């Protein structure tokens, strides 16, 4: 089995044990810095509409992030951090 499968399987076992009251689950916390959404989008070379579509959000949501009226959180923040490190990750991953 792959490392990813083994990690997921271990996490599920821990979650079941925790649900049954048999010990604490392991909690992994990752500190993700506040993303500069406009800079991240610019690094991809995509327009606002193209970038919003590529990450599955409405253009209005992207505009709110870029103008700092709202902040991305949860999975969107993780995805933006990944794009910041590798601007072509979305296109490469989804086009394969």
C-alpha atoms as a PDB file:
ATOM      1  CA  UNK A   1       0.000   0.000   0.000  1.00  0.00           C
ATOM      2  CA  UNK A   2       1.052   3.606  -0.521  1.00  0.00           C
ATOM      3  CA  UNK A   3       2.203   5.941   2.237  1.00  0.00           C
ATOM      4  CA  UNK A   4      -0.931   8.045   1.674  1.00  0.00           C
ATOM      5  CA  UNK A   5      -3.177   5.012   2.117  1.00  0.00           C
ATOM      6  CA  UNK A   6      -1.362   3.960   5.283  1.00  0.00           C
ATOM      7  CA  UNK A   7      -1.632   7.470   6.712  1.00  0.00           C
ATOM      8  CA  UNK A   8      -5.358   7.677   5.966  1.00  0.00           C
ATOM      9  CA  UNK A   9      -5.940   4.213   7.377  1.00  0.00           C
ATOM     10  CA  UNK A  10      -4.073   5.107  10.575  1.00  0.00           C
ATOM     11  CA  UNK A  11      -6.100   8.313  10.914  1.00  0.00           C
ATOM     12  CA  UNK A  12      -9.364   6.412  10.527  1.00  0.00           C
ATOM     13  CA  UNK A  13      -8.297   3.880  13.162  1.00  0.00           C
ATOM     14  CA  UNK A  14      -7.440   6.703  15.557  1.00  0.00           C
ATOM     15  CA  UNK A  15     -10.769   8.428  14.872  1.00  0.00           C
ATOM     16  CA  UNK A  16     -12.709   5.209  15.551  1.00  0.00           C
ATOM     17  CA  UNK A  17     -10.773   4.575  18.757  1.00  0.00           C
ATOM     18  CA  UNK A  18     -11.435   8.140  19.894  1.00  0.00           C
ATOM     19  CA  UNK A  19     -15.150   7.828  19.055  1.00  0.00           C
ATOM     20  CA  UNK A  20     -15.284   4.683  21.172  1.00  0.00           C
ATOM     21  CA  UNK A  21     -13.613   6.492  24.084  1.00  0.00           C
ATOM     22  CA  UNK A  22     -10.382   4.509  23.770  1.00  0.00           C
ATOM     23  CA  UNK A  23      -7.744   7.187  23.830  1.00  0.00           C
ATOM     24  CA  UNK A  24      -7.030  10.567  22.359  1.00  0.00           C
ATOM     25  CA  UNK A  25      -6.786  11.088  18.651  1.00  0.00           C
ATOM     26  CA  UNK A  26      -3.657  12.648  17.221  1.00  0.00           C
ATOM     27  CA  UNK A  27      -4.306  16.201  16.123  1.00  0.00           C
ATOM     28  CA  UNK A  28      -2.071  17.725  13.477  1.00  0.00           C
ATOM     29  CA  UNK A  29      -2.045  21.497  13.289  1.00  0.00           C
ATOM     30  CA  UNK A  30      -0.334  23.395  10.514  1.00  0.00           C
ATOM     31  CA  UNK A  31       0.228  27.125  10.691  1.00  0.00           C
ATOM     32  CA  UNK A  32      -0.607  28.642   7.316  1.00  0.00           C
ATOM     33  CA  UNK A  33       0.344  32.295   6.928  1.00  0.00           C
ATOM     34  CA  UNK A  34      -2.126  34.878   5.660  1.00  0.00           C
ATOM     35  CA  UNK A  35      -2.017  34.560   1.857  1.00  0.00           C
ATOM     36  CA  UNK A  36      -1.502  37.508  -0.478  1.00  0.00           C
ATOM     37  CA  UNK A  37      -4.193  36.330  -2.894  1.00  0.00           C
ATOM     38  CA  UNK A  38      -3.528  38.989  -5.517  1.00  0.00           C
ATOM     39  CA  UNK A  39       0.184  38.116  -5.617  1.00  0.00           C
ATOM     40  CA  UNK A  40      -0.566  34.382  -5.726  1.00  0.00           C
ATOM     41  CA  UNK A  41      -3.009  34.814  -8.615  1.00  0.00           C
ATOM     42  CA  UNK A  42      -0.539  37.028 -10.491  1.00  0.00           C
ATOM     43  CA  UNK A  43       2.120  34.312 -10.177  1.00  0.00           C
ATOM     44  CA  UNK A  44      -0.155  31.950 -12.119  1.00  0.00           C
ATOM     45  CA  UNK A  45      -0.606  34.356 -15.027  1.00  0.00           C
ATOM     46  CA  UNK A  46      -4.380  33.855 -14.897  1.00  0.00           C
ATOM     47  CA  UNK A  47      -7.071  36.521 -14.983  1.00  0.00           C
ATOM     48  CA  UNK A  48      -9.325  36.886 -11.956  1.00  0.00           C
ATOM     49  CA  UNK A  49     -12.117  34.958 -13.690  1.00  0.00           C
ATOM     50  CA  UNK A  50      -9.769  32.170 -14.824  1.00  0.00           C
ATOM     51  CA  UNK A  51      -8.131  31.852 -11.419  1.00  0.00           C
ATOM     52  CA  UNK A  52     -11.455  31.808  -9.572  1.00  0.00           C
ATOM     53  CA  UNK A  53     -12.736  29.084 -11.899  1.00  0.00           C
ATOM     54  CA  UNK A  54      -9.538  27.065 -11.518  1.00  0.00           C
ATOM     55  CA  UNK A  55      -9.840  26.916  -7.725  1.00  0.00           C
ATOM     56  CA  UNK A  56     -13.619  26.491  -7.633  1.00  0.00           C
ATOM     57  CA  UNK A  57     -14.728  29.814  -6.172  1.00  0.00           C
ATOM     58  CA  UNK A  58     -16.877  32.627  -7.502  1.00  0.00           C
ATOM     59  CA  UNK A  59     -15.111  35.641  -8.974  1.00  0.00           C
ATOM     60  CA  UNK A  60     -16.756  37.806  -6.304  1.00  0.00           C
ATOM     61  CA  UNK A  61     -15.192  35.666  -3.590  1.00  0.00           C
ATOM     62  CA  UNK A  62     -11.781  36.054  -5.197  1.00  0.00           C
ATOM     63  CA  UNK A  63     -12.256  39.826  -5.449  1.00  0.00           C
ATOM     64  CA  UNK A  64     -13.170  39.990  -1.753  1.00  0.00           C
ATOM     65  CA  UNK A  65      -9.966  38.095  -0.925  1.00  0.00           C
ATOM     66  CA  UNK A  66      -7.810  40.234  -3.198  1.00  0.00           C
ATOM     67  CA  UNK A  67      -9.178  43.486  -1.778  1.00  0.00           C
ATOM     68  CA  UNK A  68      -8.949  42.057   1.766  1.00  0.00           C
ATOM     69  CA  UNK A  69     -12.638  42.515   2.509  1.00  0.00           C
ATOM     70  CA  UNK A  70     -12.696  38.843   3.463  1.00  0.00           C
ATOM     71  CA  UNK A  71     -10.081  36.197   4.195  1.00  0.00           C
ATOM     72  CA  UNK A  72      -9.831  32.710   2.777  1.00  0.00           C
ATOM     73  CA  UNK A  73      -9.885  30.000   5.408  1.00  0.00           C
ATOM     74  CA  UNK A  74      -9.844  26.241   5.735  1.00  0.00           C
ATOM     75  CA  UNK A  75      -9.227  24.300   2.516  1.00  0.00           C
ATOM     76  CA  UNK A  76      -9.080  27.482   0.396  1.00  0.00           C
ATOM     77  CA  UNK A  77      -6.211  28.787   2.501  1.00  0.00           C
ATOM     78  CA  UNK A  78      -4.352  25.491   2.163  1.00  0.00           C
ATOM     79  CA  UNK A  79      -4.886  25.466  -1.612  1.00  0.00           C
ATOM     80  CA  UNK A  80      -3.630  29.043  -1.900  1.00  0.00           C
ATOM     81  CA  UNK A  81      -0.526  28.145   0.119  1.00  0.00           C
ATOM     82  CA  UNK A  82       0.134  25.276  -2.280  1.00  0.00           C
ATOM     83  CA  UNK A  83      -0.316  27.545  -5.307  1.00  0.00           C
ATOM     84  CA  UNK A  84       2.032  30.100  -3.733  1.00  0.00           C
ATOM     85  CA  UNK A  85       4.762  27.441  -3.654  1.00  0.00           C
ATOM     86  CA  UNK A  86       3.911  25.952  -7.067  1.00  0.00           C
ATOM     87  CA  UNK A  87       1.850  28.302  -9.274  1.00  0.00           C
ATOM     88  CA  UNK A  88       1.086  25.561 -11.842  1.00  0.00           C
ATOM     89  CA  UNK A  89      -0.033  22.874  -9.372  1.00  0.00           C
ATOM     90  CA  UNK A  90      -3.748  23.209 -10.124  1.00  0.00           C
ATOM     91  CA  UNK A  91      -3.429  23.149 -13.905  1.00  0.00           C
ATOM     92  CA  UNK A  92      -0.880  20.317 -13.832  1.00  0.00           C
ATOM     93  CA  UNK A  93      -2.911  18.229 -11.398  1.00  0.00           C
ATOM     94  CA  UNK A  94      -6.309  18.695 -13.033  1.00  0.00           C
ATOM     95  CA  UNK A  95      -5.092  18.379 -16.619  1.00  0.00           C
ATOM     96  CA  UNK A  96      -3.461  14.977 -16.038  1.00  0.00           C
END
